[in-house]
Amino acid sequence: MTEEALFGIVEEIVREVTGVACLTMDTEFVNDLAFNSMDVANLISAFEEKFDVDIPMKDVRNLMQVRDVIQYMKKMETLN
């Protein structure tokens, strides 16, 4: 899947879960969007469901920006 396609999916998930619609690759979930731990947990759960992956807690703390999620999903795609 291309980065553009993944970006669209991530953007859609963030909008559905939090109502936030304007993202860039560099958008940080906590610093830029002021997401709290519950917001992040809901997002991670939605990412896991949409992409059919399990994201270990040790990996969650590395998913700070939209770009991080896209790169992570691309990596997971190559492992499957």
PDB file of N, CA and C in Angstrom:
ATOM      1  N   MET A   1       0.852  -1.180   0.000  1.00  0.00           N
ATOM      2  CA  MET A   1       0.000   0.000   0.000  1.00  0.00           C
ATOM      3  C   MET A   1       0.899   1.245   0.000  1.00  0.00           C
ATOM      4  N   THR A   2       0.514   2.247  -0.737  1.00  0.00           N
ATOM      5  CA  THR A   2       1.328   3.457  -0.828  1.00  0.00           C
ATOM      6  C   THR A   2       1.198   4.305   0.436  1.00  0.00           C
ATOM      7  N   GLU A   3       2.175   5.200   0.626  1.00  0.00           N
ATOM      8  CA  GLU A   3       2.114   6.114   1.769  1.00  0.00           C
ATOM      9  C   GLU A   3       0.876   6.992   1.692  1.00  0.00           C
ATOM     10  N   GLU A   4       0.520   7.421   0.479  1.00  0.00           N
ATOM     11  CA  GLU A   4      -0.656   8.277   0.309  1.00  0.00           C
ATOM     12  C   GLU A   4      -1.929   7.545   0.731  1.00  0.00           C
ATOM     13  N   ALA A   5      -2.029   6.270   0.341  1.00  0.00           N
ATOM     14  CA  ALA A   5      -3.202   5.472   0.717  1.00  0.00           C
ATOM     15  C   ALA A   5      -3.257   5.276   2.226  1.00  0.00           C
ATOM     16  N   LEU A   6      -2.110   4.967   2.818  1.00  0.00           N
ATOM     17  CA  LEU A   6      -2.054   4.795   4.268  1.00  0.00           C
ATOM     18  C   LEU A   6      -2.396   6.100   4.985  1.00  0.00           C
ATOM     19  N   PHE A   7      -1.889   7.218   4.468  1.00  0.00           N
ATOM     20  CA  PHE A   7      -2.205   8.516   5.064  1.00  0.00           C
ATOM     21  C   PHE A   7      -3.712   8.747   5.065  1.00  0.00           C
ATOM     22  N   GLY A   8      -4.357   8.436   3.953  1.00  0.00           N
ATOM     23  CA  GLY A   8      -5.807   8.603   3.865  1.00  0.00           C
ATOM     24  C   GLY A   8      -6.543   7.760   4.888  1.00  0.00           C
ATOM     25  N   ILE A   9      -6.082   6.536   5.084  1.00  0.00           N
ATOM     26  CA  ILE A   9      -6.712   5.638   6.060  1.00  0.00           C
ATOM     27  C   ILE A   9      -6.494   6.164   7.479  1.00  0.00           C
ATOM     28  N   VAL A  10      -5.256   6.564   7.781  1.00  0.00           N
ATOM     29  CA  VAL A  10      -4.946   7.105   9.114  1.00  0.00           C
ATOM     30  C   VAL A  10      -5.780   8.359   9.369  1.00  0.00           C
ATOM     31  N   GLU A  11      -5.863   9.233   8.374  1.00  0.00           N
ATOM     32  CA  GLU A  11      -6.637  10.461   8.508  1.00  0.00           C
ATOM     33  C   GLU A  11      -8.119  10.146   8.778  1.00  0.00           C
ATOM     34  N   GLU A  12      -8.643   9.165   8.070  1.00  0.00           N
ATOM     35  CA  GLU A  12     -10.039   8.763   8.258  1.00  0.00           C
ATOM     36  C   GLU A  12     -10.272   8.210   9.667  1.00  0.00           C
ATOM     37  N   ILE A  13      -9.357   7.376  10.134  1.00  0.00           N
ATOM     38  CA  ILE A  13      -9.478   6.789  11.478  1.00  0.00           C
ATOM     39  C   ILE A  13      -9.435   7.890  12.540  1.00  0.00           C
ATOM     40  N   VAL A  14      -8.482   8.816  12.413  1.00  0.00           N
ATOM     41  CA  VAL A  14      -8.359   9.895  13.394  1.00  0.00           C
ATOM     42  C   VAL A  14      -9.635  10.733  13.405  1.00  0.00           C
ATOM     43  N   ARG A  15     -10.178  11.013  12.226  1.00  0.00           N
ATOM     44  CA  ARG A  15     -11.410  11.802  12.142  1.00  0.00           C
ATOM     45  C   ARG A  15     -12.584  11.056  12.794  1.00  0.00           C
ATOM     46  N   GLU A  16     -12.700   9.764  12.513  1.00  0.00           N
ATOM     47  CA  GLU A  16     -13.798   8.979  13.084  1.00  0.00           C
ATOM     48  C   GLU A  16     -13.699   8.874  14.601  1.00  0.00           C
ATOM     49  N   VAL A  17     -12.488   8.683  15.110  1.00  0.00           N
ATOM     50  CA  VAL A  17     -12.292   8.444  16.541  1.00  0.00           C
ATOM     51  C   VAL A  17     -12.313   9.742  17.352  1.00  0.00           C
ATOM     52  N   THR A  18     -11.743  10.817  16.783  1.00  0.00           N
ATOM     53  CA  THR A  18     -11.562  12.035  17.581  1.00  0.00           C
ATOM     54  C   THR A  18     -12.251  13.271  17.015  1.00  0.00           C
ATOM     55  N   GLY A  19     -12.661  13.217  15.758  1.00  0.00           N
ATOM     56  CA  GLY A  19     -13.278  14.381  15.138  1.00  0.00           C
ATOM     57  C   GLY A  19     -12.281  15.354  14.533  1.00  0.00           C
ATOM     58  N   VAL A  20     -10.990  15.079  14.680  1.00  0.00           N
ATOM     59  CA  VAL A  20      -9.958  15.944  14.108  1.00  0.00           C
ATOM     60  C   VAL A  20      -9.765  15.584  12.640  1.00  0.00           C
ATOM     61  N   ALA A  21      -9.796  16.612  11.763  1.00  0.00           N
ATOM     62  CA  ALA A  21      -9.764  16.326  10.334  1.00  0.00           C
ATOM     63  C   ALA A  21      -8.528  16.843   9.602  1.00  0.00           C
ATOM     64  N   CYS A  22      -7.794  17.759  10.177  1.00  0.00           N
ATOM     65  CA  CYS A  22      -6.664  18.345   9.436  1.00  0.00           C
ATOM     66  C   CYS A  22      -5.346  17.792   9.954  1.00  0.00           C
ATOM     67  N   LEU A  23      -4.770  16.864   9.201  1.00  0.00           N
ATOM     68  CA  LEU A  23      -3.515  16.230   9.586  1.00  0.00           C
ATOM     69  C   LEU A  23      -2.462  16.445   8.511  1.00  0.00           C
ATOM     70  N   THR A  24      -1.203  16.383   8.935  1.00  0.00           N
ATOM     71  CA  THR A  24      -0.077  16.304   8.018  1.00  0.00           C
ATOM     72  C   THR A  24       0.745  15.095   8.449  1.00  0.00           C
ATOM     73  N   MET A  25       1.757  14.773   7.678  1.00  0.00           N
ATOM     74  CA  MET A  25       2.636  13.656   8.060  1.00  0.00           C
ATOM     75  C   MET A  25       3.341  13.943   9.390  1.00  0.00           C
ATOM     76  N   ASP A  26       3.573  15.225   9.686  1.00  0.00           N
ATOM     77  CA  ASP A  26       4.309  15.602  10.894  1.00  0.00           C
ATOM     78  C   ASP A  26       3.418  15.891  12.101  1.00  0.00           C
ATOM     79  N   THR A  27       2.114  15.746  11.962  1.00  0.00           N
ATOM     80  CA  THR A  27       1.210  16.001  13.080  1.00  0.00           C
ATOM     81  C   THR A  27       1.519  15.040  14.220  1.00  0.00           C
ATOM     82  N   GLU A  28       1.722  15.605  15.413  1.00  0.00           N
ATOM     83  CA  GLU A  28       1.954  14.794  16.610  1.00  0.00           C
ATOM     84  C   GLU A  28       0.647  14.683  17.376  1.00  0.00           C
ATOM     85  N   PHE A  29       0.299  13.471  17.748  1.00  0.00           N
ATOM     86  CA  PHE A  29      -0.988  13.216  18.385  1.00  0.00           C
ATOM     87  C   PHE A  29      -1.116  13.930  19.733  1.00  0.00           C
ATOM     88  N   VAL A  30      -0.075  13.909  20.526  1.00  0.00           N
ATOM     89  CA  VAL A  30      -0.150  14.510  21.860  1.00  0.00           C
ATOM     90  C   VAL A  30       0.167  15.999  21.820  1.00  0.00           C
ATOM     91  N   ASN A  31       1.295  16.364  21.222  1.00  0.00           N
ATOM     92  CA  ASN A  31       1.718  17.772  21.243  1.00  0.00           C
ATOM     93  C   ASN A  31       0.857  18.673  20.365  1.00  0.00           C
ATOM     94  N   ASP A  32       0.525  18.242  19.154  1.00  0.00           N
ATOM     95  CA  ASP A  32      -0.222  19.099  18.231  1.00  0.00           C
ATOM     96  C   ASP A  32      -1.732  19.013  18.428  1.00  0.00           C
ATOM     97  N   LEU A  33      -2.222  17.822  18.723  1.00  0.00           N
ATOM     98  CA  LEU A  33      -3.673  17.618  18.816  1.00  0.00           C
ATOM     99  C   LEU A  33      -4.171  17.528  20.253  1.00  0.00           C
ATOM    100  N   ALA A  34      -3.246  17.569  21.216  1.00  0.00           N
ATOM    101  CA  ALA A  34      -3.579  17.526  22.643  1.00  0.00           C
ATOM    102  C   ALA A  34      -4.391  16.272  23.019  1.00  0.00           C
ATOM    103  N   PHE A  35      -4.055  15.150  22.385  1.00  0.00           N
ATOM    104  CA  PHE A  35      -4.725  13.901  22.732  1.00  0.00           C
ATOM    105  C   PHE A  35      -4.244  13.433  24.098  1.00  0.00           C
ATOM    106  N   ASN A  36      -5.166  12.907  24.895  1.00  0.00           N
ATOM    107  CA  ASN A  36      -4.787  12.327  26.178  1.00  0.00           C
ATOM    108  C   ASN A  36      -4.596  10.823  25.994  1.00  0.00           C
ATOM    109  N   SER A  37      -4.268  10.135  27.062  1.00  0.00           N
ATOM    110  CA  SER A  37      -3.969   8.702  26.956  1.00  0.00           C
ATOM    111  C   SER A  37      -5.171   7.898  26.473  1.00  0.00           C
ATOM    112  N   MET A  38      -6.379   8.332  26.830  1.00  0.00           N
ATOM    113  CA  MET A  38      -7.579   7.628  26.364  1.00  0.00           C
ATOM    114  C   MET A  38      -7.755   7.810  24.854  1.00  0.00           C
ATOM    115  N   ASP A  39      -7.515   9.024  24.364  1.00  0.00           N
ATOM    116  CA  ASP A  39      -7.583   9.271  22.919  1.00  0.00           C
ATOM    117  C   ASP A  39      -6.591   8.379  22.170  1.00  0.00           C
ATOM    118  N   VAL A  40      -5.379   8.325  22.692  1.00  0.00           N
ATOM    119  CA  VAL A  40      -4.339   7.514  22.053  1.00  0.00           C
ATOM    120  C   VAL A  40      -4.725   6.038  22.090  1.00  0.00           C
ATOM    121  N   ALA A  41      -5.231   5.560  23.221  1.00  0.00           N
ATOM    122  CA  ALA A  41      -5.649   4.164  23.340  1.00  0.00           C
ATOM    123  C   ALA A  41      -6.765   3.843  22.336  1.00  0.00           C
ATOM    124  N   ASN A  42      -7.719   4.746  22.187  1.00  0.00           N
ATOM    125  CA  ASN A  42      -8.798   4.544  21.227  1.00  0.00           C
ATOM    126  C   ASN A  42      -8.271   4.516  19.793  1.00  0.00           C
ATOM    127  N   LEU A  43      -7.315   5.395  19.503  1.00  0.00           N
ATOM    128  CA  LEU A  43      -6.712   5.415  18.165  1.00  0.00           C
ATOM    129  C   LEU A  43      -5.974   4.119  17.880  1.00  0.00           C
ATOM    130  N   ILE A  44      -5.160   3.683  18.830  1.00  0.00           N
ATOM    131  CA  ILE A  44      -4.388   2.446  18.648  1.00  0.00           C
ATOM    132  C   ILE A  44      -5.339   1.273  18.409  1.00  0.00           C
ATOM    133  N   SER A  45      -6.397   1.216  19.177  1.00  0.00           N
ATOM    134  CA  SER A  45      -7.394   0.161  19.003  1.00  0.00           C
ATOM    135  C   SER A  45      -8.007   0.206  17.602  1.00  0.00           C
ATOM    136  N   ALA A  46      -8.315   1.406  17.130  1.00  0.00           N
ATOM    137  CA  ALA A  46      -8.887   1.565  15.785  1.00  0.00           C
ATOM    138  C   ALA A  46      -7.869   1.181  14.710  1.00  0.00           C
ATOM    139  N   PHE A  47      -6.596   1.548  14.905  1.00  0.00           N
ATOM    140  CA  PHE A  47      -5.545   1.161  13.954  1.00  0.00           C
ATOM    141  C   PHE A  47      -5.424  -0.365  13.907  1.00  0.00           C
ATOM    142  N   GLU A  48      -5.426  -0.995  15.082  1.00  0.00           N
ATOM    143  CA  GLU A  48      -5.308  -2.457  15.141  1.00  0.00           C
ATOM    144  C   GLU A  48      -6.459  -3.124  14.393  1.00  0.00           C
ATOM    145  N   GLU A  49      -7.649  -2.619  14.604  1.00  0.00           N
ATOM    146  CA  GLU A  49      -8.820  -3.209  13.949  1.00  0.00           C
ATOM    147  C   GLU A  49      -8.768  -3.012  12.438  1.00  0.00           C
ATOM    148  N   LYS A  50      -8.478  -1.802  12.002  1.00  0.00           N
ATOM    149  CA  LYS A  50      -8.476  -1.484  10.569  1.00  0.00           C
ATOM    150  C   LYS A  50      -7.383  -2.238   9.820  1.00  0.00           C
ATOM    151  N   PHE A  51      -6.195  -2.295  10.409  1.00  0.00           N
ATOM    152  CA  PHE A  51      -5.051  -2.914   9.736  1.00  0.00           C
ATOM    153  C   PHE A  51      -4.866  -4.384  10.111  1.00  0.00           C
ATOM    154  N   ASP A  52      -5.729  -4.900  10.994  1.00  0.00           N
ATOM    155  CA  ASP A  52      -5.680  -6.299  11.422  1.00  0.00           C
ATOM    156  C   ASP A  52      -4.294  -6.666  11.958  1.00  0.00           C
ATOM    157  N   VAL A  53      -3.806  -5.858  12.901  1.00  0.00           N
ATOM    158  CA  VAL A  53      -2.517  -6.110  13.554  1.00  0.00           C
ATOM    159  C   VAL A  53      -2.679  -5.932  15.059  1.00  0.00           C
ATOM    160  N   ASP A  54      -1.740  -6.490  15.795  1.00  0.00           N
ATOM    161  CA  ASP A  54      -1.646  -6.232  17.230  1.00  0.00           C
ATOM    162  C   ASP A  54      -0.437  -5.333  17.427  1.00  0.00           C
ATOM    163  N   ILE A  55      -0.643  -4.201  18.078  1.00  0.00           N
ATOM    164  CA  ILE A  55       0.452  -3.262  18.321  1.00  0.00           C
ATOM    165  C   ILE A  55       0.849  -3.371  19.786  1.00  0.00           C
ATOM    166  N   PRO A  56       2.026  -3.964  20.060  1.00  0.00           N
ATOM    167  CA  PRO A  56       2.471  -4.100  21.451  1.00  0.00           C
ATOM    168  C   PRO A  56       2.688  -2.737  22.110  1.00  0.00           C
ATOM    169  N   MET A  57       2.492  -2.678  23.408  1.00  0.00           N
ATOM    170  CA  MET A  57       2.632  -1.425  24.152  1.00  0.00           C
ATOM    171  C   MET A  57       4.015  -0.804  23.940  1.00  0.00           C
ATOM    172  N   LYS A  58       5.046  -1.644  23.814  1.00  0.00           N
ATOM    173  CA  LYS A  58       6.391  -1.109  23.607  1.00  0.00           C
ATOM    174  C   LYS A  58       6.495  -0.351  22.289  1.00  0.00           C
ATOM    175  N   ASP A  59       5.663  -0.693  21.312  1.00  0.00           N
ATOM    176  CA  ASP A  59       5.657   0.006  20.025  1.00  0.00           C
ATOM    177  C   ASP A  59       4.784   1.257  20.053  1.00  0.00           C
ATOM    178  N   VAL A  60       3.757   1.253  20.903  1.00  0.00           N
ATOM    179  CA  VAL A  60       2.817   2.377  20.960  1.00  0.00           C
ATOM    180  C   VAL A  60       3.544   3.679  21.268  1.00  0.00           C
ATOM    181  N   ARG A  61       4.493   3.650  22.184  1.00  0.00           N
ATOM    182  CA  ARG A  61       5.171   4.899  22.565  1.00  0.00           C
ATOM    183  C   ARG A  61       6.037   5.467  21.443  1.00  0.00           C
ATOM    184  N   ASN A  62       6.274   4.690  20.386  1.00  0.00           N
ATOM    185  CA  ASN A  62       7.037   5.190  19.242  1.00  0.00           C
ATOM    186  C   ASN A  62       6.133   5.767  18.154  1.00  0.00           C
ATOM    187  N   LEU A  63       4.834   5.657  18.327  1.00  0.00           N
ATOM    188  CA  LEU A  63       3.887   6.147  17.325  1.00  0.00           C
ATOM    189  C   LEU A  63       3.407   7.539  17.721  1.00  0.00           C
ATOM    190  N   MET A  64       4.298   8.501  17.630  1.00  0.00           N
ATOM    191  CA  MET A  64       4.008   9.860  18.094  1.00  0.00           C
ATOM    192  C   MET A  64       3.394  10.736  17.007  1.00  0.00           C
ATOM    193  N   GLN A  65       3.791  10.494  15.750  1.00  0.00           N
ATOM    194  CA  GLN A  65       3.326  11.304  14.630  1.00  0.00           C
ATOM    195  C   GLN A  65       2.571  10.432  13.629  1.00  0.00           C
ATOM    196  N   VAL A  66       1.814  11.087  12.774  1.00  0.00           N
ATOM    197  CA  VAL A  66       1.128  10.376  11.686  1.00  0.00           C
ATOM    198  C   VAL A  66       2.154   9.573  10.880  1.00  0.00           C
ATOM    199  N   ARG A  67       3.291  10.192  10.598  1.00  0.00           N
ATOM    200  CA  ARG A  67       4.364   9.532   9.837  1.00  0.00           C
ATOM    201  C   ARG A  67       4.799   8.213  10.499  1.00  0.00           C
ATOM    202  N   ASP A  68       4.879   8.206  11.827  1.00  0.00           N
ATOM    203  CA  ASP A  68       5.292   7.004  12.562  1.00  0.00           C
ATOM    204  C   ASP A  68       4.309   5.863  12.348  1.00  0.00           C
ATOM    205  N   VAL A  69       3.028   6.183  12.363  1.00  0.00           N
ATOM    206  CA  VAL A  69       1.990   5.161  12.171  1.00  0.00           C
ATOM    207  C   VAL A  69       2.090   4.588  10.760  1.00  0.00           C
ATOM    208  N   ILE A  70       2.259   5.452   9.784  1.00  0.00           N
ATOM    209  CA  ILE A  70       2.354   5.004   8.394  1.00  0.00           C
ATOM    210  C   ILE A  70       3.571   4.112   8.192  1.00  0.00           C
ATOM    211  N   GLN A  71       4.722   4.517   8.710  1.00  0.00           N
ATOM    212  CA  GLN A  71       5.929   3.701   8.585  1.00  0.00           C
ATOM    213  C   GLN A  71       5.775   2.367   9.306  1.00  0.00           C
ATOM    214  N   TYR A  72       5.138   2.390  10.462  1.00  0.00           N
ATOM    215  CA  TYR A  72       4.909   1.158  11.223  1.00  0.00           C
ATOM    216  C   TYR A  72       4.022   0.200  10.435  1.00  0.00           C
ATOM    217  N   MET A  73       2.950   0.724   9.853  1.00  0.00           N
ATOM    218  CA  MET A  73       2.035  -0.131   9.097  1.00  0.00           C
ATOM    219  C   MET A  73       2.693  -0.675   7.827  1.00  0.00           C
ATOM    220  N   LYS A  74       3.537   0.128   7.201  1.00  0.00           N
ATOM    221  CA  LYS A  74       4.281  -0.362   6.028  1.00  0.00           C
ATOM    222  C   LYS A  74       5.206  -1.501   6.440  1.00  0.00           C
ATOM    223  N   LYS A  75       5.853  -1.354   7.604  1.00  0.00           N
ATOM    224  CA  LYS A  75       6.747  -2.406   8.100  1.00  0.00           C
ATOM    225  C   LYS A  75       5.948  -3.672   8.412  1.00  0.00           C
ATOM    226  N   MET A  76       4.790  -3.512   9.033  1.00  0.00           N
ATOM    227  CA  MET A  76       3.954  -4.664   9.365  1.00  0.00           C
ATOM    228  C   MET A  76       3.472  -5.367   8.094  1.00  0.00           C
ATOM    229  N   GLU A  77       3.196  -4.582   7.062  1.00  0.00           N
ATOM    230  CA  GLU A  77       2.734  -5.103   5.781  1.00  0.00           C
ATOM    231  C   GLU A  77       3.798  -6.017   5.161  1.00  0.00           C
ATOM    232  N   THR A  78       5.065  -5.629   5.283  1.00  0.00           N
ATOM    233  CA  THR A  78       6.133  -6.434   4.697  1.00  0.00           C
ATOM    234  C   THR A  78       6.386  -7.713   5.504  1.00  0.00           C
ATOM    235  N   LEU A  79       6.019  -7.699   6.781  1.00  0.00           N
ATOM    236  CA  LEU A  79       6.223  -8.890   7.610  1.00  0.00           C
ATOM    237  C   LEU A  79       5.146  -9.946   7.373  1.00  0.00           C
ATOM    238  N   ASN A  80       4.007  -9.539   6.845  1.00  0.00           N
ATOM    239  CA  ASN A  80       2.906 -10.486   6.629  1.00  0.00           C
ATOM    240  C   ASN A  80       2.929 -11.077   5.254  1.00  0.00           C
TER     241      ASN A  80
END
